[in-house]
């Protein structure tokens, strides 16, 4: 990620897992899907496998492995503590533009974010304004509220958990005079509140991967 201090991921992936990059790789393949994953706030503060007393273990490495399991090239870095959402969104916009400059079609680029990472993803969508780029918003809209001056663009998949008291539907954000190219939303019901996205549960991973890889 250009002009932004990175904390490299310091966990070990299983031997069979795909490589997860912390920035746009030097060599790109236009036929592949490139998925930028933006983690939740707790990773900034407590490292790649923190435990929350309410929601349990956030297994960031396992989430990345799941997201790469169908062949997507996953790009994800641990953000520094207290990261400014708007500034980091600008850095992700630069990553997306770098991928496009390297020949990756915009439709093969997905920006996915959970919780604070989802808030960053909404800002990337608003700043980038490329209709073919795709976004996955995971518990990204606090209470279904509409952040000021954020206008979703591109192709959007929103997923939220029915029992979650911190985040809800992103429909209010999409249902504005300026609307994204497409919007789809899925409500899951795991009973795990915000922690539903702490682990790669099939309830959200399967529909996300189906959408990312064009099978849904």
N, C-alpha and C. Protein backbone atom coordinates (compact mmCIF):
# COMPACT_ATOMS: atom_id res chain seq x y z
N UNK A 1 0.86 -1.17 0.00
CA UNK A 1 0.00 0.00 0.00
C UNK A 1 0.90 1.22 0.00
N UNK A 2 0.75 2.08 -0.92
CA UNK A 2 1.68 3.17 -1.13
C UNK A 2 1.51 4.25 -0.06
N UNK A 3 2.64 4.81 0.41
CA UNK A 3 2.65 5.94 1.32
C UNK A 3 1.83 5.69 2.59
N UNK A 4 1.88 4.45 3.10
CA UNK A 4 1.12 4.14 4.32
C UNK A 4 1.91 3.10 5.10
N UNK A 5 2.16 3.34 6.37
CA UNK A 5 2.93 2.36 7.15
C UNK A 5 2.14 1.08 7.31
N UNK A 6 2.78 -0.03 7.05
CA UNK A 6 2.12 -1.33 7.15
C UNK A 6 2.67 -2.12 8.32
N UNK A 7 1.79 -2.85 8.98
CA UNK A 7 2.21 -3.88 9.92
C UNK A 7 2.02 -5.20 9.21
N UNK A 8 3.10 -5.88 8.90
CA UNK A 8 2.99 -7.11 8.14
C UNK A 8 2.28 -8.17 8.96
N UNK A 9 1.54 -9.03 8.26
CA UNK A 9 0.87 -10.13 8.93
C UNK A 9 1.94 -11.10 9.45
N UNK A 10 1.82 -11.48 10.70
CA UNK A 10 2.88 -12.27 11.32
C UNK A 10 2.40 -13.66 11.72
N UNK A 11 1.34 -14.14 11.06
CA UNK A 11 0.86 -15.47 11.38
C UNK A 11 1.33 -16.45 10.31
N UNK A 12 1.19 -17.72 10.61
CA UNK A 12 1.57 -18.75 9.66
C UNK A 12 0.32 -19.37 9.06
N UNK A 13 0.32 -19.52 7.74
CA UNK A 13 -0.78 -20.16 7.05
C UNK A 13 -0.45 -21.63 6.84
N UNK A 14 -1.46 -22.50 6.78
CA UNK A 14 -1.19 -23.90 6.49
C UNK A 14 -0.46 -24.06 5.17
N UNK A 15 0.25 -25.16 5.04
CA UNK A 15 1.08 -25.36 3.85
C UNK A 15 0.28 -25.35 2.56
N UNK A 16 -1.01 -25.77 2.59
CA UNK A 16 -1.80 -25.85 1.38
C UNK A 16 -2.48 -24.54 1.04
N UNK A 17 -2.40 -23.52 1.94
CA UNK A 17 -3.15 -22.28 1.75
C UNK A 17 -2.51 -21.41 0.67
N UNK A 18 -3.33 -20.57 0.07
CA UNK A 18 -2.83 -19.61 -0.90
C UNK A 18 -2.04 -18.52 -0.17
N UNK A 19 -1.14 -17.88 -0.91
CA UNK A 19 -0.39 -16.76 -0.36
C UNK A 19 -1.33 -15.57 -0.19
N UNK A 20 -1.22 -14.89 0.94
CA UNK A 20 -1.96 -13.66 1.16
C UNK A 20 -0.96 -12.51 1.14
N UNK A 21 -1.20 -11.52 0.30
CA UNK A 21 -0.29 -10.40 0.14
C UNK A 21 -0.70 -9.25 1.05
N UNK A 22 0.28 -8.44 1.45
CA UNK A 22 -0.03 -7.24 2.22
C UNK A 22 -0.14 -6.01 1.33
N UNK A 23 0.19 -6.16 0.06
CA UNK A 23 0.06 -5.06 -0.90
C UNK A 23 -0.11 -5.67 -2.28
N UNK A 24 -0.36 -4.86 -3.27
CA UNK A 24 -0.52 -5.34 -4.64
C UNK A 24 0.75 -6.08 -5.06
N UNK A 25 0.63 -7.33 -5.51
CA UNK A 25 1.83 -8.08 -5.91
C UNK A 25 2.47 -7.49 -7.15
N UNK A 26 3.77 -7.69 -7.27
CA UNK A 26 4.50 -7.14 -8.42
C UNK A 26 4.00 -7.73 -9.73
N UNK A 27 3.67 -9.01 -9.72
CA UNK A 27 3.17 -9.68 -10.92
C UNK A 27 1.68 -9.95 -10.75
N UNK A 28 0.89 -9.52 -11.72
CA UNK A 28 -0.56 -9.73 -11.66
C UNK A 28 -1.04 -10.52 -12.87
N UNK A 29 -2.16 -11.21 -12.69
CA UNK A 29 -2.77 -11.99 -13.76
C UNK A 29 -4.18 -11.47 -13.98
N UNK A 30 -4.46 -10.86 -15.15
CA UNK A 30 -5.75 -10.22 -15.38
C UNK A 30 -6.95 -11.15 -15.27
N UNK A 31 -6.74 -12.46 -15.40
CA UNK A 31 -7.87 -13.39 -15.32
C UNK A 31 -8.27 -13.73 -13.89
N UNK A 32 -7.45 -13.38 -12.92
CA UNK A 32 -7.73 -13.72 -11.52
C UNK A 32 -8.59 -12.65 -10.85
N UNK A 33 -9.25 -13.07 -9.77
CA UNK A 33 -9.97 -12.15 -8.90
C UNK A 33 -9.00 -11.65 -7.84
N UNK A 34 -8.98 -10.34 -7.63
CA UNK A 34 -8.15 -9.73 -6.59
C UNK A 34 -9.08 -9.18 -5.51
N UNK A 35 -8.94 -9.71 -4.29
CA UNK A 35 -9.83 -9.37 -3.19
C UNK A 35 -9.04 -8.68 -2.08
N UNK A 36 -9.35 -7.44 -1.83
CA UNK A 36 -8.73 -6.68 -0.75
C UNK A 36 -9.64 -6.79 0.47
N UNK A 37 -9.13 -7.39 1.55
CA UNK A 37 -9.93 -7.58 2.77
C UNK A 37 -9.48 -6.60 3.84
N UNK A 38 -10.44 -5.88 4.40
CA UNK A 38 -10.20 -4.90 5.45
C UNK A 38 -10.81 -5.40 6.75
N UNK A 39 -9.99 -5.67 7.74
CA UNK A 39 -10.42 -6.33 8.96
C UNK A 39 -11.12 -5.36 9.92
N UNK A 40 -11.67 -5.91 11.00
CA UNK A 40 -12.32 -5.11 12.03
C UNK A 40 -11.32 -4.39 12.93
N UNK A 41 -11.85 -3.45 13.72
CA UNK A 41 -11.01 -2.59 14.56
C UNK A 41 -10.16 -3.37 15.57
N UNK A 42 -10.69 -4.46 16.12
CA UNK A 42 -9.99 -5.17 17.18
C UNK A 42 -8.61 -5.66 16.74
N UNK A 43 -8.44 -5.94 15.45
CA UNK A 43 -7.13 -6.39 14.94
C UNK A 43 -6.10 -5.27 15.06
N UNK A 44 -6.52 -4.03 14.88
CA UNK A 44 -5.60 -2.89 15.03
C UNK A 44 -5.01 -2.88 16.45
N UNK A 45 -5.85 -3.18 17.41
CA UNK A 45 -5.46 -3.02 18.81
C UNK A 45 -4.81 -4.25 19.42
N UNK A 46 -5.18 -5.44 18.92
CA UNK A 46 -4.82 -6.66 19.66
C UNK A 46 -4.16 -7.75 18.82
N UNK A 47 -3.80 -7.48 17.57
CA UNK A 47 -3.10 -8.48 16.78
C UNK A 47 -4.02 -9.36 15.97
N UNK A 48 -3.45 -10.34 15.23
CA UNK A 48 -4.20 -11.08 14.22
C UNK A 48 -5.15 -12.15 14.73
N UNK A 49 -5.07 -12.52 16.02
CA UNK A 49 -6.00 -13.54 16.54
C UNK A 49 -6.48 -13.12 17.94
N UNK A 50 -7.15 -11.99 18.04
CA UNK A 50 -7.60 -11.52 19.36
C UNK A 50 -8.88 -12.21 19.80
N UNK A 51 -9.16 -12.13 21.07
CA UNK A 51 -10.41 -12.66 21.62
C UNK A 51 -11.17 -11.54 22.31
N UNK A 52 -12.41 -11.38 21.95
CA UNK A 52 -13.31 -10.41 22.57
C UNK A 52 -14.16 -11.15 23.60
N UNK A 53 -14.37 -10.54 24.76
CA UNK A 53 -15.11 -11.22 25.82
C UNK A 53 -16.57 -11.47 25.43
N UNK A 54 -17.10 -10.67 24.48
CA UNK A 54 -18.49 -10.85 24.05
C UNK A 54 -18.60 -11.80 22.87
N UNK A 55 -17.65 -11.71 21.92
CA UNK A 55 -17.82 -12.39 20.64
C UNK A 55 -16.84 -13.52 20.39
N UNK A 56 -15.87 -13.70 21.27
CA UNK A 56 -14.94 -14.80 21.11
C UNK A 56 -13.75 -14.48 20.23
N UNK A 57 -13.14 -15.52 19.70
CA UNK A 57 -11.92 -15.41 18.90
C UNK A 57 -12.23 -14.82 17.52
N UNK A 58 -11.45 -13.81 17.14
CA UNK A 58 -11.48 -13.31 15.76
C UNK A 58 -10.30 -13.95 15.05
N UNK A 59 -10.57 -14.95 14.23
CA UNK A 59 -9.50 -15.70 13.58
C UNK A 59 -9.24 -15.11 12.20
N UNK A 60 -8.54 -14.01 12.19
CA UNK A 60 -8.18 -13.29 10.95
C UNK A 60 -7.47 -14.19 9.94
N UNK A 61 -6.46 -14.98 10.36
CA UNK A 61 -5.82 -15.87 9.38
C UNK A 61 -6.80 -16.85 8.74
N UNK A 62 -7.73 -17.40 9.52
CA UNK A 62 -8.70 -18.36 8.97
C UNK A 62 -9.66 -17.68 8.00
N UNK A 63 -10.05 -16.45 8.29
CA UNK A 63 -10.91 -15.70 7.38
C UNK A 63 -10.20 -15.48 6.05
N UNK A 64 -8.92 -15.08 6.10
CA UNK A 64 -8.17 -14.86 4.87
C UNK A 64 -8.03 -16.16 4.07
N UNK A 65 -7.78 -17.25 4.77
CA UNK A 65 -7.65 -18.54 4.08
C UNK A 65 -8.96 -18.90 3.38
N UNK A 66 -10.08 -18.67 4.06
CA UNK A 66 -11.39 -18.98 3.47
C UNK A 66 -11.65 -18.11 2.23
N UNK A 67 -11.30 -16.84 2.32
CA UNK A 67 -11.55 -15.93 1.20
C UNK A 67 -10.69 -16.27 -0.02
N UNK A 68 -9.55 -16.90 0.21
CA UNK A 68 -8.67 -17.29 -0.90
C UNK A 68 -8.94 -18.71 -1.40
N UNK A 69 -9.89 -19.41 -0.79
CA UNK A 69 -10.05 -20.85 -1.02
C UNK A 69 -10.52 -21.21 -2.43
N UNK A 70 -11.12 -20.29 -3.14
CA UNK A 70 -11.55 -20.58 -4.51
C UNK A 70 -10.66 -19.92 -5.56
N UNK A 71 -9.48 -19.48 -5.14
CA UNK A 71 -8.51 -19.00 -6.11
C UNK A 71 -8.34 -17.51 -6.19
N UNK A 72 -9.06 -16.73 -5.40
CA UNK A 72 -8.86 -15.28 -5.40
C UNK A 72 -7.48 -14.95 -4.83
N UNK A 73 -6.86 -13.91 -5.37
CA UNK A 73 -5.64 -13.37 -4.80
C UNK A 73 -6.06 -12.39 -3.71
N UNK A 74 -5.76 -12.72 -2.46
CA UNK A 74 -6.20 -11.90 -1.33
C UNK A 74 -5.08 -10.96 -0.91
N UNK A 75 -5.45 -9.71 -0.71
CA UNK A 75 -4.54 -8.66 -0.25
C UNK A 75 -5.09 -8.13 1.06
N UNK A 76 -4.30 -8.19 2.12
CA UNK A 76 -4.78 -7.72 3.42
C UNK A 76 -3.59 -7.42 4.31
N UNK A 77 -3.64 -6.30 4.99
CA UNK A 77 -2.58 -5.92 5.93
C UNK A 77 -3.19 -5.52 7.25
N UNK A 78 -2.47 -5.79 8.33
CA UNK A 78 -2.91 -5.35 9.65
C UNK A 78 -2.68 -3.84 9.76
N UNK A 79 -3.76 -3.10 9.99
CA UNK A 79 -3.65 -1.65 10.09
C UNK A 79 -3.05 -1.23 11.43
N UNK A 80 -2.41 -0.07 11.46
CA UNK A 80 -1.92 0.44 12.75
C UNK A 80 -3.07 0.86 13.66
N UNK A 81 -2.82 0.87 14.94
CA UNK A 81 -3.80 1.30 15.93
C UNK A 81 -4.29 2.73 15.61
N UNK A 82 -5.57 2.94 15.71
CA UNK A 82 -6.13 4.28 15.53
C UNK A 82 -6.14 4.77 14.09
N UNK A 83 -6.13 3.86 13.14
CA UNK A 83 -6.11 4.25 11.73
C UNK A 83 -7.29 5.16 11.39
N UNK A 84 -6.99 6.26 10.68
CA UNK A 84 -8.03 7.16 10.17
C UNK A 84 -8.71 6.51 8.97
N UNK A 85 -10.03 6.39 9.02
CA UNK A 85 -10.77 5.66 7.99
C UNK A 85 -10.66 6.33 6.62
N UNK A 86 -10.78 7.64 6.57
CA UNK A 86 -10.74 8.33 5.29
C UNK A 86 -9.36 8.24 4.63
N UNK A 87 -8.32 8.41 5.45
CA UNK A 87 -6.96 8.33 4.91
C UNK A 87 -6.65 6.92 4.41
N UNK A 88 -7.07 5.92 5.18
CA UNK A 88 -6.79 4.55 4.75
C UNK A 88 -7.59 4.20 3.50
N UNK A 89 -8.82 4.70 3.42
CA UNK A 89 -9.62 4.48 2.21
C UNK A 89 -8.90 5.05 0.99
N UNK A 90 -8.28 6.21 1.15
CA UNK A 90 -7.51 6.76 0.03
C UNK A 90 -6.37 5.87 -0.39
N UNK A 91 -5.71 5.22 0.59
CA UNK A 91 -4.63 4.28 0.26
C UNK A 91 -5.17 3.06 -0.49
N UNK A 92 -6.36 2.58 -0.10
CA UNK A 92 -6.96 1.43 -0.80
C UNK A 92 -7.38 1.83 -2.21
N UNK A 93 -7.88 3.04 -2.38
CA UNK A 93 -8.18 3.53 -3.74
C UNK A 93 -6.93 3.45 -4.60
N UNK A 94 -5.78 3.82 -4.04
CA UNK A 94 -4.52 3.73 -4.80
C UNK A 94 -4.19 2.30 -5.16
N UNK A 95 -4.47 1.35 -4.25
CA UNK A 95 -4.24 -0.06 -4.56
C UNK A 95 -5.12 -0.50 -5.73
N UNK A 96 -6.38 -0.12 -5.70
CA UNK A 96 -7.30 -0.50 -6.78
C UNK A 96 -6.82 0.08 -8.10
N UNK A 97 -6.45 1.35 -8.10
CA UNK A 97 -5.98 1.98 -9.33
C UNK A 97 -4.69 1.33 -9.82
N UNK A 98 -3.83 0.91 -8.89
CA UNK A 98 -2.60 0.21 -9.25
C UNK A 98 -2.93 -1.11 -9.95
N UNK A 99 -3.88 -1.86 -9.41
CA UNK A 99 -4.29 -3.12 -10.05
C UNK A 99 -4.82 -2.86 -11.46
N UNK A 100 -5.63 -1.84 -11.61
CA UNK A 100 -6.19 -1.52 -12.94
C UNK A 100 -5.07 -1.12 -13.89
N UNK A 101 -4.12 -0.32 -13.41
CA UNK A 101 -2.98 0.08 -14.24
C UNK A 101 -2.16 -1.12 -14.69
N UNK A 102 -2.16 -2.19 -13.87
CA UNK A 102 -1.40 -3.40 -14.20
C UNK A 102 -2.20 -4.36 -15.08
N UNK A 103 -3.38 -3.95 -15.51
CA UNK A 103 -4.15 -4.74 -16.46
C UNK A 103 -5.27 -5.57 -15.88
N UNK A 104 -5.53 -5.47 -14.58
CA UNK A 104 -6.63 -6.22 -13.98
C UNK A 104 -7.94 -5.51 -14.29
N UNK A 105 -8.92 -6.18 -14.89
CA UNK A 105 -10.20 -5.54 -15.18
C UNK A 105 -10.88 -5.08 -13.89
N UNK A 106 -11.51 -3.91 -13.88
CA UNK A 106 -12.17 -3.44 -12.66
C UNK A 106 -13.17 -4.45 -12.09
N UNK A 107 -13.85 -5.20 -12.95
CA UNK A 107 -14.81 -6.19 -12.48
C UNK A 107 -14.18 -7.36 -11.75
N UNK A 108 -12.86 -7.52 -11.86
CA UNK A 108 -12.14 -8.59 -11.16
C UNK A 108 -11.56 -8.12 -9.83
N UNK A 109 -11.91 -6.91 -9.42
CA UNK A 109 -11.40 -6.35 -8.16
C UNK A 109 -12.54 -6.25 -7.17
N UNK A 110 -12.32 -6.80 -5.97
CA UNK A 110 -13.32 -6.78 -4.91
C UNK A 110 -12.69 -6.19 -3.66
N UNK A 111 -13.35 -5.21 -3.07
CA UNK A 111 -12.93 -4.66 -1.79
C UNK A 111 -13.94 -5.12 -0.75
N UNK A 112 -13.49 -5.92 0.21
CA UNK A 112 -14.37 -6.48 1.24
C UNK A 112 -13.93 -5.96 2.60
N UNK A 113 -14.89 -5.57 3.42
CA UNK A 113 -14.53 -5.07 4.74
C UNK A 113 -15.55 -5.44 5.78
N UNK A 114 -15.04 -5.73 6.99
CA UNK A 114 -15.89 -6.08 8.14
C UNK A 114 -15.80 -5.00 9.20
N UNK A 115 -16.96 -4.58 9.72
CA UNK A 115 -17.05 -3.63 10.82
C UNK A 115 -16.31 -2.34 10.46
N UNK A 116 -15.27 -1.93 11.19
CA UNK A 116 -14.54 -0.72 10.80
C UNK A 116 -13.98 -0.87 9.39
N UNK A 117 -13.52 -2.09 9.06
CA UNK A 117 -13.05 -2.33 7.70
C UNK A 117 -14.15 -2.13 6.68
N UNK A 118 -15.40 -2.47 7.06
CA UNK A 118 -16.52 -2.23 6.18
C UNK A 118 -16.79 -0.75 6.01
N UNK A 119 -16.62 0.01 7.10
CA UNK A 119 -16.75 1.45 7.00
C UNK A 119 -15.71 2.04 6.06
N UNK A 120 -14.50 1.50 6.11
CA UNK A 120 -13.46 1.94 5.17
C UNK A 120 -13.86 1.57 3.75
N UNK A 121 -14.41 0.37 3.56
CA UNK A 121 -14.84 -0.06 2.23
C UNK A 121 -15.92 0.85 1.65
N UNK A 122 -16.86 1.32 2.49
CA UNK A 122 -17.87 2.24 1.99
C UNK A 122 -17.23 3.53 1.50
N UNK A 123 -16.20 3.97 2.19
CA UNK A 123 -15.50 5.18 1.77
C UNK A 123 -14.72 4.96 0.48
N UNK A 124 -14.10 3.79 0.35
CA UNK A 124 -13.42 3.47 -0.91
C UNK A 124 -14.42 3.54 -2.07
N UNK A 125 -15.60 2.94 -1.87
CA UNK A 125 -16.65 2.96 -2.89
C UNK A 125 -17.03 4.39 -3.24
N UNK A 126 -17.17 5.24 -2.22
CA UNK A 126 -17.57 6.63 -2.44
C UNK A 126 -16.48 7.44 -3.14
N UNK A 127 -15.22 7.19 -2.76
CA UNK A 127 -14.11 7.95 -3.34
C UNK A 127 -13.74 7.48 -4.74
N UNK A 128 -13.82 6.17 -4.97
CA UNK A 128 -13.29 5.57 -6.19
C UNK A 128 -14.14 5.88 -7.41
N UNK A 129 -15.44 5.65 -7.31
CA UNK A 129 -16.39 5.96 -8.36
C UNK A 129 -16.10 5.22 -9.67
N UNK A 130 -15.80 3.95 -9.54
CA UNK A 130 -15.65 3.08 -10.72
C UNK A 130 -16.80 2.07 -10.67
N UNK A 131 -17.74 2.12 -11.62
CA UNK A 131 -18.97 1.32 -11.51
C UNK A 131 -18.77 -0.18 -11.56
N UNK A 132 -17.66 -0.68 -12.12
CA UNK A 132 -17.47 -2.12 -12.25
C UNK A 132 -16.78 -2.75 -11.04
N UNK A 133 -16.10 -1.96 -10.23
CA UNK A 133 -15.42 -2.50 -9.06
C UNK A 133 -16.48 -2.97 -8.06
N UNK A 134 -16.19 -4.07 -7.37
CA UNK A 134 -17.18 -4.70 -6.49
C UNK A 134 -16.78 -4.54 -5.02
N UNK A 135 -17.80 -4.51 -4.17
CA UNK A 135 -17.59 -4.28 -2.73
C UNK A 135 -18.45 -5.25 -1.93
N UNK A 136 -17.84 -5.83 -0.89
CA UNK A 136 -18.55 -6.69 0.05
C UNK A 136 -18.52 -5.99 1.41
N UNK A 137 -19.70 -5.63 1.91
CA UNK A 137 -19.83 -4.92 3.18
C UNK A 137 -20.35 -5.89 4.23
N UNK A 138 -19.51 -6.22 5.20
CA UNK A 138 -19.84 -7.19 6.24
C UNK A 138 -20.07 -6.45 7.56
N UNK A 139 -21.31 -6.43 8.03
CA UNK A 139 -21.64 -5.69 9.25
C UNK A 139 -21.01 -4.31 9.21
N UNK A 140 -21.24 -3.61 8.12
CA UNK A 140 -20.52 -2.37 7.83
C UNK A 140 -21.29 -1.11 8.16
N UNK A 141 -22.60 -1.24 8.44
CA UNK A 141 -23.43 -0.05 8.63
C UNK A 141 -23.96 -0.01 10.05
N UNK A 142 -23.37 0.80 10.92
CA UNK A 142 -23.80 0.83 12.32
C UNK A 142 -25.26 1.23 12.47
N UNK A 143 -26.05 0.32 12.99
CA UNK A 143 -27.46 0.61 13.23
C UNK A 143 -28.24 0.97 11.98
N UNK A 144 -27.73 0.61 10.83
CA UNK A 144 -28.40 0.98 9.59
C UNK A 144 -28.30 2.46 9.28
N UNK A 145 -27.40 3.18 9.96
CA UNK A 145 -27.30 4.62 9.78
C UNK A 145 -26.60 4.97 8.48
N UNK A 146 -26.75 6.22 8.07
CA UNK A 146 -26.14 6.70 6.83
C UNK A 146 -25.04 7.70 7.15
N UNK A 147 -23.77 7.33 6.96
CA UNK A 147 -22.69 8.28 7.23
C UNK A 147 -22.81 9.50 6.31
N UNK A 148 -22.50 10.69 6.81
CA UNK A 148 -22.59 11.88 5.95
C UNK A 148 -21.59 11.83 4.80
N UNK A 149 -22.02 12.30 3.66
CA UNK A 149 -21.17 12.47 2.48
C UNK A 149 -20.64 11.16 1.89
N UNK A 150 -21.22 10.03 2.26
CA UNK A 150 -20.83 8.75 1.66
C UNK A 150 -21.90 8.35 0.65
N UNK A 151 -21.48 8.11 -0.58
CA UNK A 151 -22.38 7.70 -1.64
C UNK A 151 -21.81 6.45 -2.29
N UNK A 152 -22.46 5.33 -2.12
CA UNK A 152 -21.96 4.08 -2.65
C UNK A 152 -21.95 4.10 -4.17
N UNK A 153 -20.87 3.61 -4.75
CA UNK A 153 -20.77 3.40 -6.19
C UNK A 153 -20.25 1.99 -6.42
N UNK A 154 -20.37 1.50 -7.64
CA UNK A 154 -19.90 0.15 -7.96
C UNK A 154 -20.99 -0.87 -7.71
N UNK A 155 -20.58 -2.13 -7.60
CA UNK A 155 -21.49 -3.25 -7.39
C UNK A 155 -21.32 -3.73 -5.95
N UNK A 156 -22.42 -3.74 -5.20
CA UNK A 156 -22.35 -3.91 -3.75
C UNK A 156 -23.06 -5.18 -3.31
N UNK A 157 -22.39 -5.94 -2.42
CA UNK A 157 -23.03 -7.01 -1.66
C UNK A 157 -22.90 -6.66 -0.19
N UNK A 158 -24.03 -6.55 0.50
CA UNK A 158 -24.04 -6.29 1.94
C UNK A 158 -24.51 -7.56 2.66
N UNK A 159 -23.80 -7.92 3.74
CA UNK A 159 -24.20 -9.06 4.57
C UNK A 159 -24.21 -8.59 6.02
N UNK A 160 -25.32 -8.84 6.71
CA UNK A 160 -25.37 -8.50 8.12
C UNK A 160 -26.07 -9.60 8.89
N UNK A 161 -25.82 -9.63 10.21
CA UNK A 161 -26.31 -10.66 11.10
C UNK A 161 -27.56 -10.16 11.84
N UNK A 162 -28.60 -10.98 11.86
CA UNK A 162 -29.87 -10.58 12.45
C UNK A 162 -29.74 -10.22 13.93
N UNK A 163 -28.87 -10.91 14.67
CA UNK A 163 -28.75 -10.68 16.11
C UNK A 163 -27.77 -9.56 16.47
N UNK A 164 -27.11 -9.00 15.48
CA UNK A 164 -26.07 -8.00 15.71
C UNK A 164 -26.67 -6.69 16.22
N UNK A 165 -26.18 -6.20 17.35
CA UNK A 165 -26.66 -4.93 17.90
C UNK A 165 -25.78 -3.76 17.49
N UNK A 166 -24.68 -4.03 16.79
CA UNK A 166 -23.75 -2.97 16.39
C UNK A 166 -23.94 -2.53 14.95
N UNK A 167 -24.43 -3.41 14.10
CA UNK A 167 -24.56 -3.09 12.68
C UNK A 167 -25.81 -3.73 12.11
N UNK A 168 -26.38 -3.08 11.10
CA UNK A 168 -27.59 -3.60 10.47
C UNK A 168 -27.55 -3.45 8.98
N UNK A 169 -28.71 -3.24 8.39
CA UNK A 169 -28.84 -3.15 6.95
C UNK A 169 -28.11 -1.92 6.40
N UNK A 170 -27.50 -2.09 5.23
CA UNK A 170 -26.89 -0.97 4.51
C UNK A 170 -27.85 -0.37 3.48
N UNK A 171 -29.09 -0.82 3.48
CA UNK A 171 -30.05 -0.31 2.51
C UNK A 171 -30.19 1.21 2.56
N UNK A 172 -30.24 1.84 3.76
CA UNK A 172 -30.34 3.30 3.76
C UNK A 172 -29.18 3.98 3.05
N UNK A 173 -28.00 3.37 3.10
CA UNK A 173 -26.84 3.95 2.43
C UNK A 173 -26.93 3.80 0.92
N UNK A 174 -27.55 2.70 0.47
CA UNK A 174 -27.68 2.46 -0.97
C UNK A 174 -28.88 3.19 -1.57
N UNK A 175 -29.90 3.42 -0.75
CA UNK A 175 -31.16 3.99 -1.24
C UNK A 175 -31.12 5.51 -1.16
N UNK A 176 -30.25 6.10 -1.97
CA UNK A 176 -30.11 7.54 -2.06
C UNK A 176 -30.27 7.96 -3.52
N UNK A 177 -30.44 9.26 -3.78
CA UNK A 177 -30.62 9.69 -5.18
C UNK A 177 -29.51 9.20 -6.11
N UNK A 178 -28.26 9.23 -5.61
CA UNK A 178 -27.15 8.64 -6.37
C UNK A 178 -26.94 7.23 -5.84
N UNK A 179 -27.22 6.24 -6.65
CA UNK A 179 -27.21 4.86 -6.20
C UNK A 179 -26.07 4.08 -6.84
N UNK A 180 -25.64 2.99 -6.18
CA UNK A 180 -24.60 2.14 -6.77
C UNK A 180 -25.13 1.45 -8.03
N UNK A 181 -24.21 0.92 -8.81
CA UNK A 181 -24.60 0.22 -10.04
C UNK A 181 -25.53 -0.95 -9.74
N UNK A 182 -25.24 -1.69 -8.67
CA UNK A 182 -26.12 -2.77 -8.22
C UNK A 182 -25.96 -2.93 -6.73
N UNK A 183 -27.02 -3.44 -6.09
CA UNK A 183 -26.99 -3.64 -4.64
C UNK A 183 -27.75 -4.90 -4.29
N UNK A 184 -27.09 -5.77 -3.54
CA UNK A 184 -27.72 -7.00 -3.04
C UNK A 184 -27.42 -7.09 -1.56
N UNK A 185 -28.40 -7.53 -0.78
CA UNK A 185 -28.18 -7.64 0.65
C UNK A 185 -28.70 -8.98 1.17
N UNK A 186 -27.92 -9.55 2.10
CA UNK A 186 -28.25 -10.84 2.71
C UNK A 186 -28.24 -10.67 4.22
N UNK A 187 -29.29 -11.14 4.88
CA UNK A 187 -29.33 -11.18 6.34
C UNK A 187 -29.12 -12.62 6.78
N UNK A 188 -28.12 -12.85 7.61
CA UNK A 188 -27.86 -14.19 8.13
C UNK A 188 -28.36 -14.26 9.57
N UNK A 189 -28.55 -15.46 10.07
CA UNK A 189 -29.07 -15.65 11.43
C UNK A 189 -28.30 -16.77 12.12
N UNK A 190 -27.16 -16.41 12.69
CA UNK A 190 -26.33 -17.39 13.38
C UNK A 190 -26.48 -17.29 14.90
N UNK A 191 -27.07 -16.20 15.38
CA UNK A 191 -27.16 -15.96 16.82
C UNK A 191 -25.84 -15.54 17.45
N UNK A 192 -24.84 -15.19 16.64
CA UNK A 192 -23.51 -14.87 17.17
C UNK A 192 -23.22 -13.37 17.19
N UNK A 193 -24.24 -12.54 17.01
CA UNK A 193 -24.08 -11.10 17.08
C UNK A 193 -22.98 -10.63 16.11
N UNK A 194 -22.21 -9.64 16.53
CA UNK A 194 -21.15 -9.11 15.67
C UNK A 194 -20.07 -10.16 15.40
N UNK A 195 -19.96 -11.11 16.33
CA UNK A 195 -18.94 -12.15 16.19
C UNK A 195 -19.21 -13.15 15.09
N UNK A 196 -20.35 -13.05 14.40
CA UNK A 196 -20.62 -13.95 13.28
C UNK A 196 -19.55 -13.86 12.21
N UNK A 197 -18.90 -12.69 12.12
CA UNK A 197 -17.90 -12.48 11.08
C UNK A 197 -16.47 -12.62 11.61
N UNK A 198 -16.35 -13.04 12.88
CA UNK A 198 -15.03 -13.27 13.46
C UNK A 198 -14.41 -14.58 12.97
N UNK A 199 -15.25 -15.48 12.51
CA UNK A 199 -14.80 -16.78 12.01
C UNK A 199 -15.35 -16.97 10.60
N UNK A 200 -14.72 -17.82 9.79
CA UNK A 200 -15.21 -18.04 8.42
C UNK A 200 -16.41 -19.00 8.40
N UNK A 201 -17.52 -18.56 8.95
CA UNK A 201 -18.72 -19.40 8.99
C UNK A 201 -19.32 -19.53 7.60
N UNK A 202 -19.76 -20.74 7.21
CA UNK A 202 -20.38 -20.91 5.90
C UNK A 202 -21.57 -20.00 5.66
N UNK A 203 -22.26 -19.59 6.73
CA UNK A 203 -23.45 -18.74 6.59
C UNK A 203 -23.15 -17.47 5.83
N UNK A 204 -21.94 -16.91 6.00
CA UNK A 204 -21.58 -15.71 5.23
C UNK A 204 -20.51 -15.97 4.19
N UNK A 205 -19.58 -16.89 4.47
CA UNK A 205 -18.50 -17.14 3.51
C UNK A 205 -19.03 -17.69 2.19
N UNK A 206 -19.94 -18.65 2.25
CA UNK A 206 -20.43 -19.28 1.02
C UNK A 206 -21.14 -18.28 0.10
N UNK A 207 -22.10 -17.49 0.59
CA UNK A 207 -22.72 -16.52 -0.32
C UNK A 207 -21.76 -15.46 -0.82
N UNK A 208 -20.80 -15.07 0.02
CA UNK A 208 -19.81 -14.09 -0.43
C UNK A 208 -18.95 -14.65 -1.55
N UNK A 209 -18.45 -15.88 -1.38
CA UNK A 209 -17.62 -16.47 -2.43
C UNK A 209 -18.42 -16.75 -3.69
N UNK A 210 -19.68 -17.16 -3.55
CA UNK A 210 -20.52 -17.36 -4.73
C UNK A 210 -20.65 -16.06 -5.51
N UNK A 211 -20.84 -14.97 -4.80
CA UNK A 211 -21.00 -13.66 -5.45
C UNK A 211 -19.67 -13.19 -6.05
N UNK A 212 -18.61 -13.35 -5.31
CA UNK A 212 -17.28 -12.91 -5.78
C UNK A 212 -16.88 -13.64 -7.05
N UNK A 213 -17.16 -14.93 -7.08
CA UNK A 213 -16.73 -15.75 -8.23
C UNK A 213 -17.82 -15.94 -9.27
N UNK A 214 -18.89 -15.18 -9.15
CA UNK A 214 -19.89 -15.13 -10.21
C UNK A 214 -20.84 -16.30 -10.28
N UNK A 215 -20.92 -17.09 -9.19
CA UNK A 215 -21.79 -18.26 -9.23
C UNK A 215 -23.15 -18.03 -8.62
N UNK A 216 -23.44 -16.78 -8.22
CA UNK A 216 -24.71 -16.49 -7.56
C UNK A 216 -25.43 -15.35 -8.27
